[in-house]
N, C-alpha and C. Protein backbone atom coordinates (compact mmCIF):
# COMPACT_ATOMS: atom_id res chain seq x y z
N MET A 1 90.07 91.06 -49.83
CA MET A 1 89.29 92.24 -49.81
C MET A 1 89.08 92.37 -47.94
N ILE A 2 89.17 94.11 -47.85
CA ILE A 2 88.90 94.03 -46.32
C ILE A 2 87.62 94.60 -46.43
N GLU A 3 86.87 94.34 -45.45
CA GLU A 3 85.44 95.19 -45.37
C GLU A 3 85.63 96.49 -44.33
N HIS A 4 84.81 97.47 -44.58
CA HIS A 4 85.04 98.65 -43.84
C HIS A 4 83.64 98.66 -42.80
N VAL A 5 83.72 99.67 -41.70
CA VAL A 5 82.86 99.62 -40.91
C VAL A 5 81.53 100.20 -41.63
N HIS A 6 80.30 99.81 -41.31
CA HIS A 6 79.29 100.41 -41.62
C HIS A 6 78.73 101.16 -40.27
N ARG A 7 78.60 102.50 -40.39
CA ARG A 7 78.30 103.29 -39.39
C ARG A 7 76.66 103.13 -39.21
N ILE A 8 76.07 103.11 -38.03
CA ILE A 8 74.59 102.85 -38.13
C ILE A 8 74.08 104.27 -37.71
N GLY A 9 74.65 104.79 -36.75
CA GLY A 9 74.37 106.33 -36.49
C GLY A 9 72.75 106.31 -36.48
N ALA A 10 71.87 107.30 -36.87
CA ALA A 10 70.67 107.58 -36.61
C ALA A 10 69.73 106.67 -37.07
N ALA A 11 70.30 105.85 -38.03
CA ALA A 11 69.54 105.09 -38.71
C ALA A 11 68.93 103.90 -37.86
N LEU A 12 69.41 103.23 -36.77
CA LEU A 12 68.80 102.44 -36.07
C LEU A 12 68.58 102.89 -34.47
N ALA A 13 68.68 104.52 -34.45
CA ALA A 13 68.10 105.11 -33.22
C ALA A 13 66.53 105.30 -33.67
N LEU A 14 65.94 104.64 -33.49
CA LEU A 14 64.75 104.71 -34.14
C LEU A 14 63.64 104.98 -32.92
N CYS A 15 62.88 105.74 -33.20
CA CYS A 15 61.79 106.15 -31.97
C CYS A 15 60.77 105.43 -31.98
N LEU A 16 59.95 104.77 -31.11
CA LEU A 16 59.02 103.68 -31.18
C LEU A 16 57.86 104.97 -31.47
N MET A 17 57.02 104.75 -32.35
CA MET A 17 55.75 105.55 -32.72
C MET A 17 54.56 104.81 -32.00
N LEU A 18 53.84 105.95 -31.32
CA LEU A 18 52.46 105.10 -30.95
C LEU A 18 51.31 105.31 -31.91
N MET A 19 50.78 104.44 -31.63
CA MET A 19 49.29 104.22 -32.99
C MET A 19 48.02 104.32 -32.29
N ALA A 20 47.13 105.42 -32.49
CA ALA A 20 46.16 105.83 -31.83
C ALA A 20 44.89 105.10 -32.10
N CYS A 21 44.20 104.76 -31.27
CA CYS A 21 43.04 104.10 -31.67
C CYS A 21 42.04 104.48 -30.28
N GLY A 22 41.18 105.48 -30.76
CA GLY A 22 40.54 106.26 -29.66
C GLY A 22 41.13 106.65 -28.28
N ASP A 23 41.01 106.26 -27.33
CA ASP A 23 41.71 106.74 -26.22
C ASP A 23 42.62 105.58 -26.12
N ASP A 24 42.71 104.28 -26.79
CA ASP A 24 43.81 103.55 -26.70
C ASP A 24 45.24 103.64 -27.09
N TYR A 25 46.13 103.24 -26.85
CA TYR A 25 47.44 103.34 -27.33
C TYR A 25 48.42 102.16 -27.46
N PHE A 26 48.91 101.67 -28.64
CA PHE A 26 49.73 100.95 -29.01
C PHE A 26 51.00 100.91 -29.32
N VAL A 27 52.22 100.51 -28.25
CA VAL A 27 53.64 100.54 -28.79
C VAL A 27 54.20 99.45 -29.19
N PRO A 28 54.42 99.36 -30.69
CA PRO A 28 55.38 97.97 -31.24
C PRO A 28 56.24 97.68 -30.19
N SER A 29 56.49 96.42 -30.16
CA SER A 29 57.52 95.83 -29.81
C SER A 29 58.85 95.56 -30.65
N MET A 30 59.38 96.91 -30.42
CA MET A 30 60.61 97.18 -31.50
C MET A 30 61.79 96.09 -31.02
N LYS A 31 62.54 95.50 -31.69
CA LYS A 31 63.69 94.79 -31.44
C LYS A 31 64.81 95.28 -31.88
N GLN A 32 65.95 95.34 -31.64
CA GLN A 32 67.04 95.50 -32.11
C GLN A 32 68.05 94.36 -32.06
N ASP A 33 68.58 93.67 -33.15
CA ASP A 33 69.42 92.59 -32.99
C ASP A 33 70.24 92.30 -34.16
N TYR A 34 71.42 91.28 -33.58
CA TYR A 34 71.97 90.73 -35.02
C TYR A 34 71.08 89.64 -35.52
N LEU A 35 71.25 89.68 -36.79
CA LEU A 35 70.34 88.40 -37.57
C LEU A 35 71.38 87.97 -38.65
N THR A 36 70.94 86.84 -39.11
CA THR A 36 71.41 86.09 -40.09
C THR A 36 70.17 86.02 -41.17
N ALA A 37 70.39 86.98 -42.26
CA ALA A 37 69.52 87.07 -43.47
C ALA A 37 69.72 86.33 -44.48
N TYR A 38 68.68 85.93 -45.10
CA TYR A 38 68.67 85.04 -46.40
C TYR A 38 67.97 85.87 -47.58
N SER A 39 68.67 85.76 -48.74
CA SER A 39 68.22 86.52 -49.61
C SER A 39 67.46 85.46 -50.88
N SER A 40 66.56 86.20 -51.53
CA SER A 40 65.78 85.32 -52.62
C SER A 40 66.66 85.52 -53.89
N ALA A 41 65.83 85.19 -54.98
CA ALA A 41 66.91 84.94 -56.43
C ALA A 41 66.85 86.58 -56.74
N SER A 42 66.10 87.23 -56.54
CA SER A 42 66.12 88.54 -56.49
C SER A 42 66.97 89.57 -55.78
N GLY A 43 67.31 89.08 -54.91
CA GLY A 43 68.18 90.02 -53.94
C GLY A 43 67.44 90.22 -52.92
N GLU A 44 66.23 90.32 -52.61
CA GLU A 44 65.87 90.85 -51.43
C GLU A 44 65.53 90.03 -50.38
N LEU A 45 65.58 90.43 -49.16
CA LEU A 45 65.62 89.72 -47.90
C LEU A 45 64.50 88.69 -47.57
N GLU A 46 64.36 87.69 -47.62
CA GLU A 46 63.48 86.60 -47.73
C GLU A 46 63.21 86.12 -46.33
N SER A 47 64.09 85.85 -45.72
CA SER A 47 63.98 85.08 -44.02
C SER A 47 64.99 85.48 -43.28
N VAL A 48 64.79 85.53 -41.90
CA VAL A 48 65.84 85.68 -41.27
C VAL A 48 66.14 84.53 -39.97
N ILE A 49 67.18 84.42 -39.46
CA ILE A 49 67.32 83.60 -38.40
C ILE A 49 67.94 84.36 -37.22
N THR A 50 67.34 84.33 -35.82
CA THR A 50 67.80 85.05 -35.06
C THR A 50 69.01 84.19 -34.18
N ASP A 51 69.74 85.04 -32.97
CA ASP A 51 70.41 84.37 -32.63
C ASP A 51 70.08 83.34 -31.62
N LYS A 52 68.79 83.02 -31.34
CA LYS A 52 68.19 82.07 -30.49
C LYS A 52 67.65 80.92 -31.27
N GLY A 53 68.10 81.09 -32.74
CA GLY A 53 67.87 79.86 -33.69
C GLY A 53 66.38 80.04 -34.26
N LEU A 54 65.57 81.06 -34.14
CA LEU A 54 64.31 81.27 -34.40
C LEU A 54 64.44 81.56 -36.17
N ARG A 55 63.60 80.81 -36.81
CA ARG A 55 63.48 81.74 -38.57
C ARG A 55 62.32 82.24 -38.49
N PHE A 56 62.24 83.29 -39.21
CA PHE A 56 61.04 84.09 -39.58
C PHE A 56 61.19 84.08 -41.11
N PRO A 57 59.70 84.45 -41.81
CA PRO A 57 60.19 85.24 -43.00
C PRO A 57 59.87 86.58 -42.85
N VAL A 58 60.76 87.06 -43.67
CA VAL A 58 60.26 88.84 -43.86
C VAL A 58 59.26 89.37 -44.64
N ILE A 59 58.12 89.55 -43.66
CA ILE A 59 56.88 90.27 -43.95
C ILE A 59 56.81 91.61 -44.87
N ALA A 60 57.62 92.35 -44.45
CA ALA A 60 58.18 93.83 -44.91
C ALA A 60 59.47 94.31 -44.59
N ASP A 61 59.83 95.06 -45.37
CA ASP A 61 61.17 95.64 -45.38
C ASP A 61 60.92 97.22 -45.61
N ALA A 62 61.09 97.99 -44.89
CA ALA A 62 60.99 99.46 -45.18
C ALA A 62 62.26 99.85 -45.60
N THR A 63 63.48 99.07 -45.55
CA THR A 63 64.89 99.66 -46.13
C THR A 63 64.84 99.16 -47.57
N HIS A 64 64.18 98.45 -48.11
CA HIS A 64 64.37 97.77 -49.35
C HIS A 64 65.68 97.23 -49.76
N SER A 65 66.21 96.65 -48.73
CA SER A 65 67.73 96.44 -49.10
C SER A 65 67.68 95.24 -50.30
N ARG A 66 68.69 95.23 -50.87
CA ARG A 66 69.25 94.30 -51.92
C ARG A 66 70.57 93.98 -51.60
N VAL A 67 70.88 92.45 -51.91
CA VAL A 67 71.92 91.78 -51.76
C VAL A 67 72.29 91.17 -52.76
N LYS A 68 73.42 90.24 -52.65
CA LYS A 68 73.61 89.17 -53.70
C LYS A 68 72.51 88.01 -53.59
N ALA A 69 72.13 87.89 -54.76
CA ALA A 69 70.87 86.81 -54.65
C ALA A 69 71.51 85.56 -54.30
N ASP A 70 70.21 84.82 -53.61
CA ASP A 70 70.60 83.46 -52.92
C ASP A 70 71.88 83.51 -51.99
N SER A 71 71.91 84.26 -51.02
CA SER A 71 72.75 84.37 -50.41
C SER A 71 72.63 84.81 -48.90
N LEU A 72 73.49 84.66 -47.92
CA LEU A 72 73.23 85.00 -46.42
C LEU A 72 73.95 86.12 -46.35
N VAL A 73 73.72 87.06 -45.55
CA VAL A 73 74.40 88.12 -44.92
C VAL A 73 73.86 88.25 -43.75
N ARG A 74 74.90 88.94 -42.70
CA ARG A 74 75.05 89.24 -41.39
C ARG A 74 74.61 90.58 -41.27
N VAL A 75 73.61 90.88 -40.34
CA VAL A 75 72.91 92.26 -40.40
C VAL A 75 72.52 92.68 -38.81
N VAL A 76 72.68 93.91 -38.50
CA VAL A 76 71.97 94.62 -37.56
C VAL A 76 70.66 95.14 -37.67
N CYS A 77 69.81 94.80 -36.91
CA CYS A 77 68.26 95.31 -37.65
C CYS A 77 67.40 95.49 -36.73
N ASN A 78 66.62 96.57 -36.72
CA ASN A 78 65.46 97.10 -35.78
C ASN A 78 64.35 96.47 -36.66
N TYR A 79 63.57 95.81 -35.64
CA TYR A 79 62.36 94.89 -36.27
C TYR A 79 61.26 94.92 -35.21
N THR A 80 60.33 94.58 -36.01
CA THR A 80 59.09 94.04 -35.00
C THR A 80 58.58 92.98 -35.74
N GLU A 81 58.13 91.98 -34.57
CA GLU A 81 57.23 90.71 -35.04
C GLU A 81 55.96 90.89 -35.39
N GLU A 82 55.17 90.57 -36.35
CA GLU A 82 54.03 90.63 -36.85
C GLU A 82 53.29 89.50 -37.39
N THR A 83 52.33 89.64 -37.79
CA THR A 83 51.44 88.17 -38.67
C THR A 83 50.66 89.01 -39.41
N SER A 84 51.02 88.54 -40.52
CA SER A 84 50.59 88.86 -41.90
C SER A 84 49.04 88.85 -41.91
N SER A 85 48.49 88.96 -43.28
CA SER A 85 46.98 88.77 -43.37
C SER A 85 46.78 87.48 -43.50
N GLU A 86 47.69 86.77 -44.00
CA GLU A 86 47.35 85.33 -44.21
C GLU A 86 47.64 84.35 -42.95
N GLY A 87 48.01 85.01 -41.93
CA GLY A 87 48.44 84.48 -40.51
C GLY A 87 49.58 83.88 -40.26
N VAL A 88 50.63 84.26 -41.06
CA VAL A 88 51.96 84.09 -41.05
C VAL A 88 52.61 84.96 -40.19
N THR A 89 53.41 84.39 -38.98
CA THR A 89 54.02 85.07 -38.17
C THR A 89 55.61 85.46 -38.82
N GLY A 90 55.70 86.85 -38.79
CA GLY A 90 57.11 87.09 -39.53
C GLY A 90 57.82 88.42 -38.77
N ILE A 91 58.71 88.89 -39.78
CA ILE A 91 59.11 90.24 -38.96
C ILE A 91 58.72 91.26 -40.12
N ARG A 92 59.07 92.68 -39.64
CA ARG A 92 58.84 93.94 -40.40
C ARG A 92 60.02 94.58 -40.01
N ILE A 93 60.95 94.78 -41.05
CA ILE A 93 62.59 95.39 -40.82
C ILE A 93 62.03 96.71 -40.92
N ASN A 94 62.48 97.50 -39.95
CA ASN A 94 62.33 99.17 -39.82
C ASN A 94 63.76 99.66 -40.35
N ALA A 95 64.99 99.27 -39.73
CA ALA A 95 66.08 99.82 -40.40
C ALA A 95 66.95 98.87 -40.22
N LEU A 96 68.32 98.51 -41.00
CA LEU A 96 69.11 97.65 -41.20
C LEU A 96 70.50 98.26 -41.56
N VAL A 97 71.52 97.53 -41.14
CA VAL A 97 72.82 97.66 -41.84
C VAL A 97 73.75 96.30 -42.02
N SER A 98 74.43 96.07 -42.57
CA SER A 98 75.08 95.16 -42.64
C SER A 98 76.32 94.93 -41.81
N ALA A 99 76.48 93.86 -40.82
CA ALA A 99 77.44 93.92 -40.06
C ALA A 99 78.75 93.61 -40.71
N VAL A 100 79.94 93.94 -40.17
CA VAL A 100 81.13 93.60 -40.65
C VAL A 100 81.60 92.20 -40.14
N ALA A 101 81.50 91.22 -41.61
CA ALA A 101 81.34 89.79 -40.68
C ALA A 101 82.14 88.92 -41.82
N PRO A 102 83.53 89.15 -42.15
CA PRO A 102 84.35 88.40 -43.03
C PRO A 102 84.85 87.18 -42.38
N VAL A 103 84.86 86.17 -42.96
CA VAL A 103 85.74 84.91 -42.42
C VAL A 103 87.10 85.43 -42.18
N PRO A 104 87.76 84.90 -40.70
CA PRO A 104 88.98 85.38 -40.47
C PRO A 104 89.84 84.70 -41.58
N LYS A 105 90.91 85.28 -41.73
CA LYS A 105 92.10 84.89 -42.60
C LYS A 105 93.31 85.03 -42.07
N ALA A 106 94.52 84.40 -42.61
CA ALA A 106 95.71 84.45 -42.13
C ALA A 106 96.62 85.62 -42.01
N ALA A 107 97.66 85.82 -41.35
CA ALA A 107 98.15 87.02 -41.36
C ALA A 107 98.81 87.41 -42.52
N ASP A 108 99.61 86.38 -43.19
CA ASP A 108 100.28 86.44 -44.29
C ASP A 108 99.49 86.72 -45.71
N THR A 109 98.04 86.75 -45.90
CA THR A 109 97.40 87.05 -46.63
C THR A 109 96.72 88.57 -46.68
N PHE A 110 97.24 89.19 -45.80
CA PHE A 110 97.08 90.84 -45.77
C PHE A 110 98.20 91.41 -46.37
N LYS A 111 98.01 91.69 -47.59
CA LYS A 111 99.33 92.17 -48.50
C LYS A 111 100.04 93.33 -47.86
N GLU A 112 99.25 94.31 -47.57
CA GLU A 112 99.95 95.48 -46.71
C GLU A 112 100.35 95.25 -45.43
N GLY A 113 100.33 93.98 -44.91
CA GLY A 113 100.31 93.77 -43.52
C GLY A 113 99.16 93.72 -42.61
N VAL A 114 99.17 93.24 -41.45
CA VAL A 114 98.31 93.60 -40.77
C VAL A 114 98.32 94.82 -39.96
N LYS A 115 97.08 95.74 -39.80
CA LYS A 115 96.78 96.86 -39.21
C LYS A 115 96.30 96.57 -37.90
N THR A 116 96.69 97.21 -36.58
CA THR A 116 96.13 96.73 -35.43
C THR A 116 95.90 98.38 -34.79
N ASP A 117 95.16 99.10 -35.47
CA ASP A 117 94.83 100.40 -34.80
C ASP A 117 93.77 100.20 -33.74
N PRO A 118 93.58 101.22 -32.69
CA PRO A 118 92.99 100.77 -31.64
C PRO A 118 91.58 100.81 -31.78
N ALA A 119 90.73 100.02 -30.76
CA ALA A 119 89.38 100.31 -30.77
C ALA A 119 89.06 99.74 -29.46
N ASP A 120 88.02 100.02 -28.65
CA ASP A 120 87.60 99.60 -27.43
C ASP A 120 86.39 98.65 -27.60
N VAL A 121 85.93 97.82 -26.99
CA VAL A 121 85.19 96.80 -26.85
C VAL A 121 84.08 97.53 -25.76
N LEU A 122 82.33 97.74 -26.62
CA LEU A 122 81.81 98.22 -25.72
C LEU A 122 80.83 97.04 -25.14
N SER A 123 80.59 96.14 -25.91
CA SER A 123 79.90 94.95 -25.62
C SER A 123 80.52 93.48 -26.59
N ILE A 124 80.45 92.39 -26.05
CA ILE A 124 80.94 91.19 -27.02
C ILE A 124 80.04 89.91 -26.35
N TRP A 125 79.57 89.21 -26.90
CA TRP A 125 79.02 88.18 -26.69
C TRP A 125 78.75 87.00 -27.76
N MET A 126 78.42 85.82 -27.36
CA MET A 126 78.40 84.55 -28.42
C MET A 126 76.88 84.72 -28.97
N GLY A 127 76.68 84.70 -30.37
CA GLY A 127 75.48 84.62 -31.02
C GLY A 127 75.34 83.14 -31.69
N LEU A 128 74.76 82.94 -32.60
CA LEU A 128 74.60 81.71 -33.07
C LEU A 128 75.55 81.43 -34.28
N ASP A 129 76.47 80.74 -33.82
CA ASP A 129 77.44 80.27 -34.97
C ASP A 129 78.47 81.71 -35.13
N TYR A 130 78.43 82.74 -34.35
CA TYR A 130 79.11 84.11 -34.51
C TYR A 130 79.48 84.45 -33.19
N LEU A 131 80.36 85.29 -33.29
CA LEU A 131 80.79 85.97 -32.11
C LEU A 131 80.58 87.50 -32.42
N ASN A 132 79.70 87.87 -31.84
CA ASN A 132 79.10 89.53 -31.90
C ASN A 132 80.03 90.24 -30.96
N CYS A 133 80.21 91.65 -31.57
CA CYS A 133 81.08 92.52 -31.19
C CYS A 133 80.43 93.77 -31.46
N ILE A 134 80.46 94.91 -30.29
CA ILE A 134 80.07 96.24 -30.63
C ILE A 134 81.33 97.03 -30.37
N LEU A 135 82.02 97.65 -30.95
CA LEU A 135 83.14 98.37 -30.74
C LEU A 135 83.13 99.91 -30.79
N GLU A 136 83.75 100.72 -29.89
CA GLU A 136 83.94 101.98 -29.84
C GLU A 136 85.31 102.56 -30.33
N VAL A 137 84.91 103.04 -31.43
CA VAL A 137 86.24 103.64 -32.17
C VAL A 137 85.91 105.24 -32.47
N LYS A 138 87.41 105.79 -32.14
CA LYS A 138 87.41 107.30 -32.18
C LYS A 138 87.75 107.58 -33.58
N ALA A 139 86.84 108.53 -34.19
CA ALA A 139 86.82 108.53 -35.65
C ALA A 139 86.39 110.13 -36.13
N GLN A 140 86.54 110.50 -36.95
CA GLN A 140 86.02 111.86 -37.69
C GLN A 140 85.20 111.59 -38.73
N ASN A 141 85.62 111.30 -40.03
CA ASN A 141 84.85 111.36 -40.99
C ASN A 141 85.50 110.28 -42.08
N GLY A 142 86.70 109.77 -41.73
CA GLY A 142 87.51 108.78 -42.73
C GLY A 142 87.07 107.63 -42.52
N ALA A 143 87.26 106.81 -43.67
CA ALA A 143 86.80 105.34 -43.68
C ALA A 143 87.76 104.42 -42.82
N HIS A 144 86.97 103.38 -41.83
CA HIS A 144 87.59 102.47 -41.03
C HIS A 144 87.47 101.22 -41.68
N TYR A 145 88.82 100.61 -41.69
CA TYR A 145 88.64 99.24 -42.31
C TYR A 145 88.94 98.10 -41.47
N PHE A 146 87.93 97.19 -41.36
CA PHE A 146 88.08 95.86 -40.29
C PHE A 146 88.31 94.41 -40.84
N HIS A 147 88.66 93.53 -40.23
CA HIS A 147 88.77 92.35 -40.84
C HIS A 147 89.18 91.37 -39.55
N PHE A 148 89.47 90.31 -39.45
CA PHE A 148 89.61 89.31 -38.32
C PHE A 148 91.03 88.36 -38.73
N VAL A 149 92.02 88.66 -38.07
CA VAL A 149 93.09 88.00 -38.47
C VAL A 149 93.31 86.35 -37.61
N GLU A 150 93.40 85.21 -38.16
CA GLU A 150 93.70 83.79 -37.65
C GLU A 150 94.86 83.82 -37.25
N GLU A 151 95.38 84.15 -36.09
CA GLU A 151 96.62 83.85 -35.66
C GLU A 151 97.16 82.33 -35.41
N GLN A 152 96.11 81.55 -34.79
CA GLN A 152 96.57 80.34 -34.43
C GLN A 152 95.29 79.38 -34.30
N VAL A 153 95.20 78.07 -34.76
CA VAL A 153 94.46 77.06 -34.56
C VAL A 153 94.91 75.95 -34.23
N GLU A 154 94.33 75.40 -33.09
CA GLU A 154 95.25 73.97 -32.58
C GLU A 154 94.09 73.20 -32.42
N THR A 155 94.29 72.21 -32.46
CA THR A 155 93.26 71.03 -32.13
C THR A 155 93.86 70.05 -31.37
N ASP A 156 93.08 69.38 -30.34
CA ASP A 156 93.56 68.26 -29.31
C ASP A 156 93.09 67.12 -30.29
N GLU A 157 93.92 66.32 -30.54
CA GLU A 157 93.40 64.77 -31.52
C GLU A 157 92.68 64.01 -30.57
N THR A 158 93.23 63.97 -29.27
CA THR A 158 92.10 63.12 -28.41
C THR A 158 91.14 63.44 -27.98
N THR A 159 90.73 64.62 -27.64
CA THR A 159 89.36 65.25 -27.21
C THR A 159 88.68 65.87 -28.11
N GLY A 160 89.34 66.20 -29.37
CA GLY A 160 88.56 66.77 -30.66
C GLY A 160 88.17 68.20 -30.24
N HIS A 161 88.66 69.00 -29.28
CA HIS A 161 88.73 70.23 -28.89
C HIS A 161 89.78 71.15 -29.63
N ARG A 162 88.91 72.31 -30.21
CA ARG A 162 89.77 73.12 -31.11
C ARG A 162 89.91 74.29 -30.27
N THR A 163 91.09 75.10 -30.40
CA THR A 163 91.04 76.37 -29.74
C THR A 163 91.98 77.48 -30.84
N VAL A 164 90.87 78.46 -30.93
CA VAL A 164 91.35 79.26 -32.05
C VAL A 164 91.52 80.83 -31.56
N SER A 165 92.80 81.15 -31.85
CA SER A 165 93.01 82.97 -31.73
C SER A 165 92.96 83.81 -32.72
N LEU A 166 92.02 84.68 -32.54
CA LEU A 166 91.80 85.75 -33.49
C LEU A 166 92.15 87.03 -32.89
N LEU A 167 92.70 88.11 -34.17
CA LEU A 167 93.02 89.37 -33.50
C LEU A 167 92.36 90.23 -34.68
N LEU A 168 92.09 91.66 -33.89
CA LEU A 168 91.40 92.39 -34.73
C LEU A 168 92.13 93.08 -35.82
N TYR A 169 91.84 93.03 -37.26
CA TYR A 169 92.54 94.09 -38.10
C TYR A 169 91.51 95.22 -37.94
N HIS A 170 92.31 96.13 -37.75
CA HIS A 170 91.48 97.90 -37.77
C HIS A 170 92.86 98.63 -38.42
N ASP A 171 92.37 99.25 -39.41
CA ASP A 171 92.92 100.12 -40.35
C ASP A 171 92.31 101.26 -40.10
N ALA A 172 92.55 102.52 -39.53
CA ALA A 172 91.87 103.90 -39.54
C ALA A 172 92.32 104.92 -40.30
N GLY A 173 93.44 104.29 -41.32
CA GLY A 173 94.06 105.17 -42.15
C GLY A 173 94.54 106.74 -41.54
N SER A 174 94.11 107.68 -41.86
CA SER A 174 94.92 108.79 -41.48
C SER A 174 93.69 110.09 -40.81
N ASP A 175 92.76 109.01 -40.43
CA ASP A 175 91.29 109.70 -39.90
C ASP A 175 91.94 110.46 -38.25
N LEU A 176 91.29 111.29 -37.90
CA LEU A 176 91.79 111.83 -36.39
C LEU A 176 90.66 111.10 -35.45
N GLN A 177 91.28 110.97 -34.62
CA GLN A 177 90.55 110.29 -33.19
C GLN A 177 89.61 111.36 -32.58
N ALA A 178 88.56 111.85 -33.27
CA ALA A 178 87.74 112.90 -32.72
C ALA A 178 86.49 112.76 -31.83
N TYR A 179 85.55 111.83 -32.35
CA TYR A 179 84.57 111.42 -31.67
C TYR A 179 84.41 110.10 -31.88
N THR A 180 83.64 109.58 -30.53
CA THR A 180 83.63 107.95 -30.36
C THR A 180 82.20 107.65 -31.22
N GLN A 181 82.50 106.52 -32.51
CA GLN A 181 81.68 106.29 -32.76
C GLN A 181 81.48 104.61 -32.56
N ARG A 182 80.51 104.00 -33.04
CA ARG A 182 80.32 102.51 -32.94
C ARG A 182 80.45 101.80 -34.22
N ALA A 183 81.25 100.45 -34.16
CA ALA A 183 81.33 99.61 -35.36
C ALA A 183 80.55 98.25 -34.97
N TYR A 184 79.70 97.73 -35.94
CA TYR A 184 79.04 96.49 -35.42
C TYR A 184 79.83 95.30 -36.21
N LEU A 185 80.26 94.42 -35.49
CA LEU A 185 81.12 93.22 -36.21
C LEU A 185 80.60 92.05 -35.58
N SER A 186 80.70 90.83 -36.47
CA SER A 186 80.39 89.58 -36.20
C SER A 186 81.08 88.52 -36.83
N ILE A 187 82.13 87.75 -36.17
CA ILE A 187 82.71 86.87 -36.29
C ILE A 187 82.32 85.47 -36.75
N PRO A 188 82.65 85.01 -38.02
CA PRO A 188 81.72 83.67 -38.26
C PRO A 188 82.46 82.71 -37.65
N LEU A 189 81.95 81.78 -37.21
CA LEU A 189 82.76 80.65 -36.64
C LEU A 189 82.36 79.20 -36.86
N CYS A 190 81.40 78.99 -37.83
CA CYS A 190 81.08 77.46 -37.94
C CYS A 190 82.22 76.85 -38.86
N GLN A 191 83.14 77.79 -39.46
CA GLN A 191 84.28 76.92 -40.17
C GLN A 191 85.23 76.26 -39.17
N TYR A 192 85.05 76.49 -37.85
CA TYR A 192 85.96 75.95 -37.22
C TYR A 192 85.35 74.75 -36.33
N ALA A 193 84.17 74.39 -36.98
CA ALA A 193 83.57 73.29 -36.35
C ALA A 193 83.56 71.82 -37.24
N SER A 194 84.24 72.02 -38.40
CA SER A 194 84.49 70.80 -38.97
C SER A 194 85.29 69.38 -38.56
N ASP A 195 85.22 68.52 -39.30
CA ASP A 195 86.13 67.49 -38.90
C ASP A 195 86.02 66.98 -37.54
N GLY A 196 84.85 66.77 -36.92
CA GLY A 196 84.42 66.14 -36.01
C GLY A 196 84.74 66.93 -34.95
N VAL A 197 85.05 67.99 -34.66
CA VAL A 197 85.47 69.03 -33.56
C VAL A 197 84.06 68.96 -32.57
N SER A 198 84.56 68.73 -31.25
CA SER A 198 83.50 68.59 -30.28
C SER A 198 83.12 69.95 -30.14
N GLY A 199 84.06 70.88 -29.84
CA GLY A 199 83.65 72.49 -29.16
C GLY A 199 85.23 73.30 -29.70
N VAL A 200 84.68 74.28 -29.42
CA VAL A 200 85.87 75.56 -29.71
C VAL A 200 86.16 76.63 -28.73
N THR A 201 87.00 76.69 -28.40
CA THR A 201 87.66 77.82 -27.25
C THR A 201 88.28 79.09 -28.42
N VAL A 202 87.42 79.96 -28.40
CA VAL A 202 87.62 81.36 -28.93
C VAL A 202 88.47 82.40 -28.36
N ARG A 203 89.76 82.77 -28.68
CA ARG A 203 90.03 83.73 -27.90
C ARG A 203 90.32 85.14 -29.07
N PHE A 204 89.84 86.14 -28.78
CA PHE A 204 89.87 87.20 -29.38
C PHE A 204 90.55 88.44 -29.04
N SER A 205 91.36 88.78 -29.54
CA SER A 205 92.24 90.19 -29.09
C SER A 205 92.00 91.29 -29.84
N LEU A 206 92.40 92.40 -29.38
CA LEU A 206 92.42 93.74 -29.86
C LEU A 206 93.38 94.61 -29.39
N HIS A 207 93.74 95.89 -29.97
CA HIS A 207 94.78 96.69 -29.58
C HIS A 207 93.71 97.74 -28.86
N THR A 208 93.76 98.43 -27.77
CA THR A 208 92.76 99.25 -27.29
C THR A 208 93.59 100.67 -27.20
N TYR A 209 92.73 101.62 -26.56
CA TYR A 209 93.35 103.04 -26.66
C TYR A 209 94.02 103.03 -25.14
N GLU A 210 93.95 102.06 -24.49
CA GLU A 210 94.90 102.04 -23.33
C GLU A 210 96.50 101.72 -23.71
N ASP A 211 96.70 101.58 -24.93
CA ASP A 211 98.04 101.11 -25.43
C ASP A 211 98.21 99.53 -24.67
N GLU A 212 96.97 98.91 -24.69
CA GLU A 212 97.41 97.15 -24.48
C GLU A 212 96.45 96.37 -25.36
N ILE A 213 96.86 95.16 -25.36
CA ILE A 213 96.18 94.21 -26.02
C ILE A 213 95.28 93.48 -24.96
N LYS A 214 93.89 93.57 -25.31
CA LYS A 214 92.90 92.86 -24.52
C LYS A 214 92.51 91.58 -25.19
N THR A 215 92.29 90.53 -24.40
CA THR A 215 91.90 89.35 -24.88
C THR A 215 90.48 88.83 -24.39
N TYR A 216 89.70 88.45 -25.08
CA TYR A 216 88.05 87.85 -24.63
C TYR A 216 88.09 86.33 -25.11
N THR A 217 87.73 85.57 -24.33
CA THR A 217 87.81 84.34 -24.23
C THR A 217 85.90 83.68 -24.33
N PHE A 218 85.80 82.68 -25.26
CA PHE A 218 84.53 82.18 -25.30
C PHE A 218 84.46 80.96 -25.67
N GLU A 219 83.51 80.32 -25.04
CA GLU A 219 83.13 78.72 -25.76
C GLU A 219 82.39 78.65 -26.72
N TYR A 220 82.70 78.00 -27.89
CA TYR A 220 81.55 78.05 -28.80
C TYR A 220 81.14 76.41 -29.14
N SER A 221 79.63 76.23 -29.02
CA SER A 221 79.31 74.77 -29.33
C SER A 221 78.68 74.93 -30.55
N PRO A 222 79.17 74.31 -31.49
CA PRO A 222 78.71 74.61 -32.89
C PRO A 222 77.32 73.77 -32.96
N THR A 223 76.58 74.79 -33.96
CA THR A 223 75.11 74.27 -34.20
C THR A 223 75.05 73.66 -36.01
N ASN A 224 74.02 73.50 -36.48
CA ASN A 224 73.81 72.87 -37.75
C ASN A 224 72.45 73.54 -38.09
N THR A 225 72.33 75.00 -37.54
CA THR A 225 71.23 75.67 -38.12
C THR A 225 71.47 76.37 -39.21
N ASN A 226 72.51 76.81 -39.51
CA ASN A 226 72.85 77.35 -40.89
C ASN A 226 73.17 76.40 -41.99
């Protein structure tokens, strides 16, 4: 199954609201981050882990999101840190979308072949067991499909260091290159940290609108947080 882009648009372009109390004004400290969210048996978002490794319970979720029960999902979220009436510090979710975050798979598992329609990287950085990426994609109103192709995995048996080469799968279909929109992706990496691997070099490549292949290289130090 190939996951498609979730366009955030105005949903995460939230304005901070001023809360008045006499002559004093309070501006909530709104944050926008990639988070790993965990669901309850009912599918409600129960807790999150930030990319700094901090875990918070979800005190309130204005989006009323529901996902698969007892699972984890990768999300992009606007939230505030708050303290509940019981004195528990947690987060209030104000806006949220799922990030495109499938586990990379080998090229020969894509039944219709690997699609490499162009995209440009707006920003890319290491998160907690994930490589986060915001892409700029030229689109009109068609569905764009994304995945990650595992091109090569090599492990140095002496040092225990592993090198992983990944390629962006992007199928724009017949959509016109009309407007620049953003796609939010997050590549899971913890599966490469098994078997006593000491560290991982991740090389992520994609085809750009400049008709070139651009590669980004990062060092991943595995954690046991998840």
